[in-house]
Protein backbone atom coordinates (compact mmCIF):
# COMPACT_ATOMS: atom_id res chain seq x y z
CA UNK A 1 -0.11 -0.09 0.13
CA UNK A 2 1.65 3.25 -0.59
CA UNK A 3 1.35 6.28 1.89
CA UNK A 4 -0.91 8.84 0.12
CA UNK A 5 -3.96 7.33 -1.60
CA UNK A 6 -4.66 9.57 -5.13
CA UNK A 7 -7.94 10.59 -4.57
CA UNK A 8 -9.37 11.24 -7.95
CA UNK A 9 -11.77 13.83 -9.78
CA UNK A 10 -14.18 11.65 -12.21
CA UNK A 11 -15.79 14.28 -14.28
CA UNK A 12 -18.29 12.04 -16.64
CA UNK A 13 -17.95 9.00 -14.04
CA UNK A 14 -21.83 7.59 -15.89
CA UNK A 15 -20.50 7.14 -19.30
CA UNK A 16 -18.50 4.05 -20.56
CA UNK A 17 -14.74 5.24 -19.27
CA UNK A 18 -16.07 6.90 -15.96
CA UNK A 19 -17.84 3.42 -14.61
CA UNK A 20 -14.70 1.68 -16.46
CA UNK A 21 -12.59 3.80 -14.32
CA UNK A 22 -14.52 3.28 -11.10
CA UNK A 23 -13.93 -0.21 -11.33
CA UNK A 24 -10.04 0.39 -11.70
CA UNK A 25 -10.33 1.88 -8.28
CA UNK A 26 -12.72 -0.41 -6.64
CA UNK A 27 -9.83 -2.87 -7.50
CA UNK A 28 -7.44 -1.38 -6.61
CA UNK A 29 -8.55 0.12 -3.26
CA UNK A 30 -5.12 0.62 -1.40
CA UNK A 31 -4.22 3.09 -3.95
CA UNK A 32 -6.91 4.75 -5.45
CA UNK A 33 -10.24 6.99 -3.78
CA UNK A 34 -12.74 8.10 -5.20
CA UNK A 35 -12.46 12.05 -4.34
CA UNK A 36 -15.39 13.74 -7.13
CA UNK A 37 -18.24 12.35 -9.06
CA UNK A 38 -20.11 14.16 -11.91
CA UNK A 39 -23.16 13.26 -14.45
CA UNK A 40 -24.56 14.79 -16.95
CA UNK A 41 -28.07 13.44 -16.99
CA UNK A 42 -27.49 9.51 -15.52
CA UNK A 43 -28.91 10.80 -12.10
CA UNK A 44 -30.11 6.92 -10.81
CA UNK A 45 -26.69 5.67 -11.87
CA UNK A 46 -24.74 8.55 -10.27
CA UNK A 47 -26.44 7.83 -7.21
CA UNK A 48 -25.40 4.02 -7.10
CA UNK A 49 -21.93 4.84 -7.42
CA UNK A 50 -22.26 7.40 -4.87
CA UNK A 51 -23.68 4.82 -2.27
CA UNK A 52 -20.93 2.59 -2.63
CA UNK A 53 -17.52 4.82 -3.39
CA UNK A 54 -18.89 7.83 -0.96
CA UNK A 55 -17.03 10.48 -2.35
CA UNK A 56 -16.31 13.75 -0.84
CA UNK A 57 -18.46 15.57 -3.54
CA UNK A 58 -21.19 14.42 -6.51
CA UNK A 59 -22.29 17.30 -9.00
CA UNK A 60 -25.45 16.43 -11.45
CA UNK A 61 -24.94 18.57 -14.23
CA UNK A 62 -29.11 18.62 -15.19
CA UNK A 63 -29.99 21.31 -12.06
CA UNK A 64 -33.14 19.53 -12.91
CA UNK A 65 -32.28 16.46 -10.65
CA UNK A 66 -30.36 18.60 -7.90
CA UNK A 67 -33.34 17.59 -5.52
CA UNK A 68 -33.23 13.99 -6.60
CA UNK A 69 -29.99 13.00 -6.04
CA UNK A 70 -29.82 15.55 -2.68
CA UNK A 71 -32.61 13.80 -1.22
CA UNK A 72 -31.11 10.21 -2.44
CA UNK A 73 -28.09 11.23 -0.37
CA UNK A 74 -29.00 13.04 2.55
CA UNK A 75 -27.86 10.49 4.76
CA UNK A 76 -24.58 10.34 3.22
CA UNK A 77 -21.57 12.32 3.77
CA UNK A 78 -21.88 13.49 0.37
CA UNK A 79 -21.75 17.04 -0.41
CA UNK A 80 -24.13 17.78 -3.53
CA UNK A 81 -24.29 19.83 -6.16
CA UNK A 82 -25.69 20.94 -9.29
CA UNK A 83 -24.74 22.80 -12.65
CA UNK A 84 -21.54 22.83 -15.18
CA UNK A 85 -20.68 26.07 -12.95
CA UNK A 86 -19.88 23.39 -10.21
CA UNK A 87 -18.49 21.04 -12.36
CA UNK A 88 -15.54 23.65 -12.44
CA UNK A 89 -15.13 24.54 -8.99
CA UNK A 90 -15.15 21.28 -7.79
CA UNK A 91 -11.77 20.38 -10.33
CA UNK A 92 -10.52 23.10 -8.09
CA UNK A 93 -10.42 21.68 -4.72
CA UNK A 94 -7.29 20.93 -2.82
CA UNK A 95 -8.18 17.32 -1.84
CA UNK A 96 -8.14 16.38 -5.64
CA UNK A 97 -4.67 15.17 -7.41
CA UNK A 98 -6.03 13.94 -10.74
CA UNK A 99 -8.45 15.05 -12.80
CA UNK A 100 -10.15 12.34 -15.15
CA UNK A 101 -11.96 14.14 -18.16
CA UNK A 102 -13.74 11.87 -19.46
CA UNK A 103 -17.26 14.09 -20.43
CA UNK A 104 -18.22 13.62 -23.80
CA UNK A 105 -17.74 16.24 -26.49
CA UNK A 106 -16.76 20.73 -26.21
CA UNK A 107 -18.09 20.41 -22.94
CA UNK A 108 -15.09 18.90 -21.22
CA UNK A 109 -13.09 22.05 -22.13
CA UNK A 110 -13.15 24.40 -19.61
CA UNK A 111 -13.23 22.04 -16.36
CA UNK A 112 -9.79 20.66 -17.60
CA UNK A 113 -8.62 24.66 -18.23
CA UNK A 114 -9.60 25.25 -14.95
CA UNK A 115 -8.32 22.21 -13.30
CA UNK A 116 -4.90 22.95 -15.01
CA UNK A 117 -4.50 26.44 -14.02
CA UNK A 118 -4.93 25.11 -10.16
CA UNK A 119 -2.02 22.46 -10.89
CA UNK A 120 -4.38 19.65 -11.47
CA UNK A 121 -2.71 16.32 -12.92
CA UNK A 122 -5.02 15.40 -15.79
CA UNK A 123 -6.53 12.11 -17.50
CA UNK A 124 -7.32 12.51 -20.14
CA UNK A 125 -9.96 10.67 -21.96
CA UNK A 126 -11.94 13.70 -23.60
CA UNK A 127 -9.84 13.75 -26.73
CA UNK A 128 -12.33 16.94 -28.12
CA UNK A 129 -10.23 19.22 -25.29
CA UNK A 130 -7.37 19.03 -27.44
CA UNK A 131 -8.79 18.88 -30.23
CA UNK A 132 -10.34 22.38 -30.26
CA UNK A 133 -8.13 23.65 -27.92
CA UNK A 134 -4.13 21.72 -28.04
CA UNK A 135 -2.53 24.65 -28.29
CA UNK A 136 -4.12 26.64 -25.73
CA UNK A 137 -4.01 23.71 -22.98
CA UNK A 138 -0.86 22.44 -24.19
CA UNK A 139 1.15 26.13 -23.01
CA UNK A 140 -1.12 25.91 -20.17
CA UNK A 141 0.11 22.14 -19.19
CA UNK A 142 3.95 23.55 -19.36
CA UNK A 143 3.46 26.71 -17.86
CA UNK A 144 1.69 24.78 -14.63
CA UNK A 145 3.81 22.16 -14.50
CA UNK A 146 1.20 19.72 -15.14
CA UNK A 147 1.33 16.15 -16.46
CA UNK A 148 -1.58 15.07 -19.26
CA UNK A 149 -1.55 11.09 -19.22
CA UNK A 150 -3.92 10.14 -22.11
CA UNK A 151 -6.08 8.07 -21.37
CA UNK A 152 -7.21 6.33 -25.49
CA UNK A 153 -5.49 3.49 -26.28
CA UNK A 154 -4.28 4.77 -29.14
CA UNK A 155 -2.57 7.60 -27.18
CA UNK A 156 -1.46 5.47 -24.25
CA UNK A 157 -0.01 3.06 -26.19
CA UNK A 158 2.15 5.72 -28.06
CA UNK A 159 3.40 7.06 -24.20
CA UNK A 160 4.25 4.07 -23.24
CA UNK A 161 5.98 3.61 -26.22
CA UNK A 162 8.00 6.59 -24.89
CA UNK A 163 9.20 6.09 -21.58
CA UNK A 164 12.83 5.75 -22.17
CA UNK A 165 12.42 7.49 -25.39
CA UNK A 166 11.93 11.16 -24.73
CA UNK A 167 15.91 12.10 -25.85
CA UNK A 168 14.83 10.32 -29.30
CA UNK A 169 13.31 11.98 -32.13
CA UNK A 170 10.17 10.49 -33.50
CA UNK A 171 10.13 9.96 -37.15
CA UNK A 172 6.92 8.69 -37.26
CA UNK A 173 3.83 8.18 -35.11
CA UNK A 174 1.91 4.80 -36.73
CA UNK A 175 -1.99 5.39 -35.08
CA UNK A 176 -3.66 2.14 -35.58
CA UNK A 177 -7.64 1.78 -36.16
CA UNK A 178 -9.80 -1.06 -35.73
CA UNK A 179 -11.68 0.17 -39.32
CA UNK A 180 -15.15 -0.26 -37.37
CA UNK A 181 -17.72 -2.22 -38.33
CA UNK A 182 -17.90 -1.15 -41.69
CA UNK A 183 -14.93 -1.70 -42.76
CA UNK A 184 -14.29 -2.44 -46.72
CA UNK A 185 -17.41 -1.73 -46.88
CA UNK A 186 -18.83 0.76 -50.29
CA UNK A 187 -20.50 3.89 -50.47
CA UNK A 188 -23.70 2.73 -51.74
CA UNK A 189 -23.83 -0.05 -49.00
CA UNK A 190 -23.04 2.77 -46.20
CA UNK A 191 -25.69 5.42 -47.55
CA UNK A 192 -28.89 2.94 -46.57
CA UNK A 193 -27.10 2.13 -43.09
CA UNK A 194 -28.48 2.56 -39.39
CA UNK A 195 -27.74 3.38 -36.02
CA UNK A 196 -28.42 0.51 -34.85
CA UNK A 197 -25.79 -0.95 -37.35
CA UNK A 198 -23.19 1.93 -36.56
CA UNK A 199 -23.06 1.42 -32.81
CA UNK A 200 -22.29 -2.56 -33.14
CA UNK A 201 -18.16 -1.89 -32.81
CA UNK A 202 -16.18 -5.18 -33.52
CA UNK A 203 -13.97 -4.69 -30.71
CA UNK A 204 -14.81 -2.47 -28.76
CA UNK A 205 -17.47 -0.94 -25.96
CA UNK A 206 -17.83 2.33 -25.72
CA UNK A 207 -20.71 5.18 -25.56
CA UNK A 208 -22.80 5.90 -28.07
CA UNK A 209 -21.33 9.57 -30.12
CA UNK A 210 -18.12 7.45 -30.01
CA UNK A 211 -19.16 4.52 -31.76
CA UNK A 212 -20.58 6.57 -33.97
CA UNK A 213 -17.31 8.75 -34.60
CA UNK A 214 -15.33 5.41 -34.66
CA UNK A 215 -17.95 3.93 -37.55
CA UNK A 216 -17.05 6.96 -39.43
CA UNK A 217 -13.51 7.38 -38.70
CA UNK A 218 -14.09 10.45 -37.20
CA UNK A 219 -12.30 9.50 -34.38
CA UNK A 220 -9.70 8.32 -35.61
CA UNK A 221 -9.12 11.78 -36.93
CA UNK A 222 -9.69 13.33 -33.80
CA UNK A 223 -7.15 11.40 -32.58
CA UNK A 224 -4.84 12.27 -35.18
CA UNK A 225 -5.39 16.00 -34.23
CA UNK A 226 -5.05 15.19 -30.23
CA UNK A 227 -1.60 12.88 -31.10
CA UNK A 228 -0.41 16.14 -32.83
CA UNK A 229 -0.43 18.23 -29.25
CA UNK A 230 0.21 14.98 -26.72
CA UNK A 231 3.67 14.42 -28.77
CA UNK A 232 4.04 18.05 -30.72
CA UNK A 233 4.42 15.87 -34.30
CA UNK A 234 3.24 17.73 -36.89
CA UNK A 235 0.57 15.75 -38.91
CA UNK A 236 2.74 14.35 -41.97
CA UNK A 237 4.27 12.52 -39.43
CA UNK A 238 0.96 10.63 -38.39
CA UNK A 239 0.19 7.90 -40.30
CA UNK A 240 -3.20 5.85 -39.48
CA UNK A 241 -2.81 2.29 -40.19
CA UNK A 242 -6.26 0.11 -39.99
CA UNK A 243 -5.31 -3.08 -37.98
CA UNK A 244 -8.59 -5.07 -37.50
CA UNK A 245 -7.71 -7.18 -34.87
CA UNK A 246 -7.21 -4.18 -32.08
CA UNK A 247 -4.23 -6.05 -30.65
CA UNK A 248 -1.49 -3.42 -31.36
CA UNK A 249 -2.43 -0.40 -30.08
CA UNK A 250 -0.16 1.99 -31.78
CA UNK A 251 3.33 2.41 -32.34
CA UNK A 252 6.30 4.44 -32.87
CA UNK A 253 9.21 4.66 -35.62
CA UNK A 254 11.96 6.59 -34.80
CA UNK A 255 14.99 7.92 -36.46
CA UNK A 256 16.73 5.02 -37.05
CA UNK A 257 13.87 3.15 -38.78
CA UNK A 258 13.02 0.66 -35.26
CA UNK A 259 9.42 0.58 -34.39
CA UNK A 260 8.71 0.06 -30.81
CA UNK A 261 4.49 -0.93 -30.52
CA UNK A 262 2.25 -1.64 -27.17
CA UNK A 263 0.06 -4.69 -27.46
CA UNK A 264 -2.45 -5.82 -25.18
CA UNK A 265 -6.43 -6.86 -25.13
CA UNK A 266 -8.93 -4.31 -26.09
CA UNK A 267 -9.65 -3.23 -22.79
CA UNK A 268 -9.86 0.13 -22.07
CA UNK A 269 -9.51 -0.52 -18.22
CA UNK A 270 -5.25 -1.18 -18.61
CA UNK A 271 -4.88 2.94 -19.96
CA UNK A 272 -6.76 4.55 -17.38
CA UNK A 273 -5.10 2.47 -14.48
CA UNK A 274 -1.71 2.98 -16.30
CA UNK A 275 -2.43 6.75 -16.69
CA UNK A 276 -3.65 6.84 -12.61
CA UNK A 277 -1.04 4.74 -11.37
CA UNK A 278 1.76 6.60 -13.93
CA UNK A 279 4.90 5.66 -13.42
CA UNK A 280 3.78 2.00 -11.71
CA UNK A 281 2.54 -0.59 -13.32
CA UNK A 282 0.00 -2.22 -10.80
CA UNK A 283 -0.99 -5.94 -11.22
CA UNK A 284 -4.41 -6.50 -12.30
CA UNK A 285 -7.43 -9.21 -12.99
CA UNK A 286 -7.83 -8.17 -16.65
CA UNK A 287 -7.25 -10.51 -19.53
CA UNK A 288 -3.77 -11.92 -20.96
CA UNK A 289 -3.33 -11.28 -24.56
CA UNK A 290 -2.60 -14.80 -25.94
CA UNK A 291 -1.05 -14.93 -29.04
CA UNK A 292 -2.12 -18.35 -30.76
CA UNK A 293 -5.67 -16.50 -30.58
CA UNK A 294 -3.85 -13.83 -33.35
CA UNK A 295 -2.05 -16.33 -35.46
CA UNK A 296 -2.90 -13.32 -37.97
CA UNK A 297 -2.23 -9.31 -37.82
CA UNK A 298 -3.28 -7.46 -40.76
CA UNK A 299 -2.46 -3.83 -41.60
CA UNK A 300 -4.42 -1.86 -44.64
CA UNK A 301 -4.36 2.29 -45.57
CA UNK A 302 -7.32 3.59 -44.20
CA UNK A 303 -10.51 4.15 -47.28
CA UNK A 304 -10.12 8.34 -47.01
CA UNK A 305 -12.75 8.50 -50.09
CA UNK A 306 -15.21 6.43 -48.83
CA UNK A 307 -15.01 7.75 -44.86
CA UNK A 308 -14.26 11.20 -45.51
CA UNK A 309 -14.25 12.18 -41.85
CA UNK A 310 -10.22 11.17 -41.70
CA UNK A 311 -9.55 13.07 -44.88
CA UNK A 312 -11.45 16.67 -43.03
CA UNK A 313 -9.69 16.10 -39.76
CA UNK A 314 -6.61 15.95 -41.12
CA UNK A 315 -7.30 18.90 -43.66
CA UNK A 316 -8.85 20.75 -40.41
CA UNK A 317 -5.54 20.17 -38.36
CA UNK A 318 -2.96 21.18 -41.34
CA UNK A 319 -5.03 24.60 -41.92
CA UNK A 320 -4.65 24.90 -37.51
CA UNK A 321 -6.20 27.97 -36.20
CA UNK A 322 -10.12 27.62 -35.02
CA UNK A 323 -10.87 25.01 -37.71
CA UNK A 324 -10.66 21.44 -35.46
CA UNK A 325 -13.11 23.70 -33.15
CA UNK A 326 -15.31 23.80 -36.25
CA UNK A 327 -14.89 20.28 -37.37
CA UNK A 328 -15.55 19.24 -33.97
CA UNK A 329 -18.41 21.23 -33.18
CA UNK A 330 -20.21 20.43 -36.85
CA UNK A 331 -19.40 16.51 -35.75
CA UNK A 332 -21.33 16.82 -32.42
CA UNK A 333 -24.25 18.34 -33.94
CA UNK A 334 -24.44 15.94 -36.95
CA UNK A 335 -23.47 12.79 -35.31
CA UNK A 336 -26.48 13.24 -32.89
CA UNK A 337 -28.34 13.92 -35.87
CA UNK A 338 -27.59 10.73 -37.21
CA UNK A 339 -28.36 9.06 -33.51
CA UNK A 340 -32.16 10.65 -33.89
CA UNK A 341 -32.61 9.40 -37.62
CA UNK A 342 -32.98 12.85 -39.08
CA UNK A 343 -30.10 11.91 -41.52
CA UNK A 344 -27.94 9.62 -43.18
CA UNK A 345 -24.68 8.28 -42.70
CA UNK A 346 -22.47 9.60 -45.71
CA UNK A 347 -24.31 13.55 -44.73
CA UNK A 348 -22.63 13.68 -41.81
CA UNK A 349 -19.54 13.98 -43.67
CA UNK A 350 -21.17 16.47 -46.38
CA UNK A 351 -22.54 19.01 -43.36
CA UNK A 352 -18.89 18.91 -41.91
CA UNK A 353 -17.25 20.04 -44.36
CA UNK A 354 -20.02 22.85 -45.62
CA UNK A 355 -19.42 23.88 -41.73
CA UNK A 356 -15.42 23.99 -42.59
CA UNK A 357 -16.22 25.77 -45.56
CA UNK A 358 -18.28 28.47 -44.71
CA UNK A 359 -17.16 29.68 -40.37
CA UNK A 360 -14.96 32.45 -40.29
CA UNK A 361 -11.24 31.50 -39.78
CA UNK A 362 -9.35 32.77 -36.74
CA UNK A 363 -5.68 32.16 -36.79
CA UNK A 364 -4.49 32.47 -33.09
CA UNK A 365 -7.93 31.60 -31.71
CA UNK A 366 -8.43 32.89 -27.77
CA UNK A 367 -10.22 31.06 -25.40
CA UNK A 368 -13.23 33.39 -26.42
CA UNK A 369 -12.36 33.05 -30.20
CA UNK A 370 -13.29 29.29 -29.44
CA UNK A 371 -16.15 29.36 -27.16
CA UNK A 372 -17.48 31.68 -29.78
CA UNK A 373 -16.54 29.30 -32.81
CA UNK A 374 -17.48 26.72 -31.38
CA UNK A 375 -21.35 27.98 -30.51
CA UNK A 376 -21.78 29.39 -34.03
CA UNK A 377 -20.94 26.00 -35.34
CA UNK A 378 -23.17 24.38 -33.52
CA UNK A 379 -26.05 27.54 -34.55
CA UNK A 380 -24.70 26.80 -38.28
CA UNK A 381 -25.22 22.95 -38.54
CA UNK A 382 -27.61 22.95 -37.30
CA UNK A 383 -29.42 25.51 -39.45
CA UNK A 384 -28.50 23.08 -42.39
CA UNK A 385 -29.92 20.24 -40.57
CA UNK A 386 -33.66 22.01 -40.30
CA UNK A 387 -33.39 23.72 -43.95
CA UNK A 388 -31.82 20.89 -45.93
CA UNK A 389 -31.43 17.73 -45.15
CA UNK A 390 -34.44 17.46 -41.88
CA UNK A 391 -37.07 14.22 -42.40
CA UNK A 392 -34.93 13.63 -46.43
CA UNK A 393 -32.65 11.29 -45.84
């Protein structure tokens, strides 16, 4: 048992990453303790989690559910708050050692900024934070001497490959992708796919939004942008490789041509635990990789003509400025529309591209610029849905 348990704030505790993070903490009670739990809308699960872990604070973002949560936890020594502002405030608590940002989408940006400014180390599962404000976040982290520990399996893999190699120059990052449920499918097939088909990922269990992003390859595009900021490597040195087995989680190629890869079963609890325990590797009860079950590893190039979102993400990264923010905001709108059966699968890329080409470009956006770009892009993309595509596809 270590002398001081790491007190963790979990932002988004009822989502896929949040629930798996709590499993990690449950399996390592000598090392970790839950200090804060937050949820957006799932009050019932938040209450069950709070009763089990008895954190110092819980926050329900949906203010309409505050009294419901408050009354359910009356007999426990737990402070209960509500609203987005409360989430930003609790990450600044002196009792928090590490903040896991597992909120979905743009909503994770401001709490992450507030936590970094208070010197809190970040276990980053919210890739959108670096997508929309990578330059701002990385500069803040350096200024406040804060570690950003990646939780995404691919970025955790790269991070692990770089241990002991920080003095060696990266020639290329090889970011692996499963290819999602529609690997190898043509546009004619994708024109008719349903949300239920898109939500059936062959390897990973994830939330709805990230699962759709994976099916469209937007998730991989966002990860390319995230990798650029985490590892300070330009777009030209980040290559996506489709690896359907999802055993090699990513690779790093160095100047001498050597390649280091990180392998393991497709289980998010492993990178979550590594982010929590870094630089230690703690023993766990997760399944081990059996190579005899994978007699063949296959690798192909991604089809960016069919799955255009990956190409759009590269375009946004190369253009820079507020373009990645525009890409992300438009994507959040169209994924929500697809999940509500308002548009077809391929139409998502069309609307994202339209937003990228239509919104004002800002070369060096401030936080206020990013906030405005996000709001205006959401409004613009929703107008496209209403006027052109709603109920037509």
